[in-house]
Amino acid sequence: MRTKKTRHAVYNINYHLVWCPKYRKPVSFGELKTLVENTIKEVCTQRG
């Protein structure tokens, strides 16, 4: 991760995403899991 600088601060922001469906049922199977992972990675890459 790269460190960002402003006039009065230096910072590095990281996020940890936890996705919990209602009642914590295991719903991330095969194609859905791959689709969600790829979409999140693509958005993160676009936004830096």
N, C-alpha and C. Protein backbone atom coordinates (compact mmCIF):
# COMPACT_ATOMS: atom_id res chain seq x y z
N MET A 1 0.84 -1.18 0.00
CA MET A 1 0.00 0.00 0.00
C MET A 1 0.89 1.24 0.00
N ARG A 2 0.40 2.25 -0.65
CA ARG A 2 1.20 3.48 -0.69
C ARG A 2 0.72 4.44 0.39
N THR A 3 1.64 5.22 0.87
CA THR A 3 1.35 6.21 1.89
C THR A 3 0.98 7.51 1.21
N LYS A 4 -0.11 8.13 1.67
CA LYS A 4 -0.54 9.41 1.11
C LYS A 4 -0.12 10.52 2.05
N LYS A 5 0.15 11.68 1.48
CA LYS A 5 0.60 12.81 2.28
C LYS A 5 -0.24 14.04 1.97
N THR A 6 -0.52 14.79 3.02
CA THR A 6 -1.13 16.11 2.88
C THR A 6 -0.21 17.09 3.59
N ARG A 7 -0.62 18.32 3.63
CA ARG A 7 0.23 19.33 4.23
C ARG A 7 0.53 19.04 5.71
N HIS A 8 -0.46 18.48 6.43
CA HIS A 8 -0.29 18.29 7.87
C HIS A 8 -0.41 16.84 8.32
N ALA A 9 -0.46 15.90 7.39
CA ALA A 9 -0.64 14.51 7.79
C ALA A 9 -0.03 13.55 6.78
N VAL A 10 0.30 12.38 7.29
CA VAL A 10 0.74 11.26 6.46
C VAL A 10 -0.12 10.08 6.88
N TYR A 11 -0.73 9.40 5.91
CA TYR A 11 -1.65 8.33 6.28
C TYR A 11 -1.66 7.20 5.26
N ASN A 12 -2.11 6.06 5.72
CA ASN A 12 -2.26 4.86 4.91
C ASN A 12 -3.54 4.18 5.39
N ILE A 13 -4.56 4.16 4.55
CA ILE A 13 -5.86 3.61 4.95
C ILE A 13 -6.04 2.23 4.33
N ASN A 14 -6.40 1.26 5.16
CA ASN A 14 -6.69 -0.10 4.71
C ASN A 14 -8.08 -0.48 5.20
N TYR A 15 -8.77 -1.33 4.45
CA TYR A 15 -10.10 -1.77 4.82
C TYR A 15 -10.13 -3.29 4.93
N HIS A 16 -10.95 -3.77 5.84
CA HIS A 16 -11.19 -5.20 5.98
C HIS A 16 -12.69 -5.38 5.85
N LEU A 17 -13.14 -6.04 4.79
CA LEU A 17 -14.55 -6.19 4.50
C LEU A 17 -15.03 -7.56 4.97
N VAL A 18 -16.11 -7.57 5.75
CA VAL A 18 -16.72 -8.81 6.20
C VAL A 18 -18.16 -8.80 5.73
N TRP A 19 -18.54 -9.80 4.96
CA TRP A 19 -19.89 -9.89 4.42
C TRP A 19 -20.62 -11.01 5.13
N CYS A 20 -21.63 -10.67 5.93
CA CYS A 20 -22.39 -11.66 6.69
C CYS A 20 -23.85 -11.63 6.24
N PRO A 21 -24.31 -12.67 5.57
CA PRO A 21 -25.72 -12.72 5.18
C PRO A 21 -26.60 -12.97 6.40
N LYS A 22 -27.88 -12.72 6.24
CA LYS A 22 -28.82 -12.91 7.34
C LYS A 22 -28.74 -14.35 7.84
N TYR A 23 -28.72 -14.52 9.12
CA TYR A 23 -28.62 -15.81 9.80
C TYR A 23 -27.32 -16.55 9.51
N ARG A 24 -26.36 -15.86 8.91
CA ARG A 24 -25.03 -16.41 8.61
C ARG A 24 -25.08 -17.73 7.84
N LYS A 25 -26.03 -17.84 6.94
CA LYS A 25 -26.10 -19.04 6.10
C LYS A 25 -24.96 -19.01 5.09
N PRO A 26 -24.35 -20.16 4.82
CA PRO A 26 -23.26 -20.18 3.83
C PRO A 26 -23.83 -20.06 2.41
N VAL A 27 -23.72 -18.89 1.81
CA VAL A 27 -24.30 -18.67 0.49
C VAL A 27 -23.25 -18.44 -0.59
N SER A 28 -22.00 -18.33 -0.22
CA SER A 28 -20.95 -18.05 -1.21
C SER A 28 -20.42 -19.35 -1.81
N PHE A 29 -21.12 -19.84 -2.81
CA PHE A 29 -20.70 -21.06 -3.48
C PHE A 29 -20.17 -20.72 -4.87
N GLY A 30 -19.27 -21.50 -5.35
CA GLY A 30 -18.78 -21.49 -6.72
C GLY A 30 -18.79 -20.17 -7.46
N GLU A 31 -19.71 -20.05 -8.43
CA GLU A 31 -19.73 -18.89 -9.32
C GLU A 31 -20.03 -17.60 -8.57
N LEU A 32 -20.94 -17.63 -7.61
CA LEU A 32 -21.27 -16.41 -6.85
C LEU A 32 -20.04 -15.92 -6.09
N LYS A 33 -19.33 -16.83 -5.44
CA LYS A 33 -18.14 -16.46 -4.69
C LYS A 33 -17.09 -15.84 -5.62
N THR A 34 -16.87 -16.47 -6.76
CA THR A 34 -15.90 -15.96 -7.73
C THR A 34 -16.31 -14.60 -8.26
N LEU A 35 -17.60 -14.43 -8.57
CA LEU A 35 -18.10 -13.16 -9.08
C LEU A 35 -17.90 -12.03 -8.07
N VAL A 36 -18.25 -12.28 -6.82
CA VAL A 36 -18.10 -11.26 -5.78
C VAL A 36 -16.63 -10.92 -5.57
N GLU A 37 -15.78 -11.91 -5.49
CA GLU A 37 -14.34 -11.67 -5.30
C GLU A 37 -13.77 -10.85 -6.45
N ASN A 38 -14.10 -11.22 -7.68
CA ASN A 38 -13.57 -10.51 -8.85
C ASN A 38 -14.09 -9.08 -8.91
N THR A 39 -15.35 -8.88 -8.58
CA THR A 39 -15.92 -7.53 -8.59
C THR A 39 -15.25 -6.64 -7.56
N ILE A 40 -15.05 -7.15 -6.36
CA ILE A 40 -14.39 -6.37 -5.31
C ILE A 40 -12.95 -6.05 -5.71
N LYS A 41 -12.23 -7.01 -6.25
CA LYS A 41 -10.85 -6.77 -6.69
C LYS A 41 -10.80 -5.73 -7.80
N GLU A 42 -11.74 -5.80 -8.74
CA GLU A 42 -11.77 -4.85 -9.85
C GLU A 42 -12.03 -3.43 -9.36
N VAL A 43 -12.99 -3.27 -8.45
CA VAL A 43 -13.30 -1.94 -7.91
C VAL A 43 -12.10 -1.41 -7.13
N CYS A 44 -11.46 -2.25 -6.34
CA CYS A 44 -10.29 -1.82 -5.57
C CYS A 44 -9.15 -1.40 -6.50
N THR A 45 -8.95 -2.13 -7.58
CA THR A 45 -7.90 -1.78 -8.54
C THR A 45 -8.20 -0.45 -9.22
N GLN A 46 -9.45 -0.22 -9.58
CA GLN A 46 -9.84 1.03 -10.24
C GLN A 46 -9.65 2.23 -9.32
N ARG A 47 -9.97 2.06 -8.06
CA ARG A 47 -9.94 3.18 -7.12
C ARG A 47 -8.59 3.35 -6.43
N GLY A 48 -7.72 2.38 -6.61
CA GLY A 48 -6.39 2.50 -6.04
C GLY A 48 -6.37 2.02 -4.66
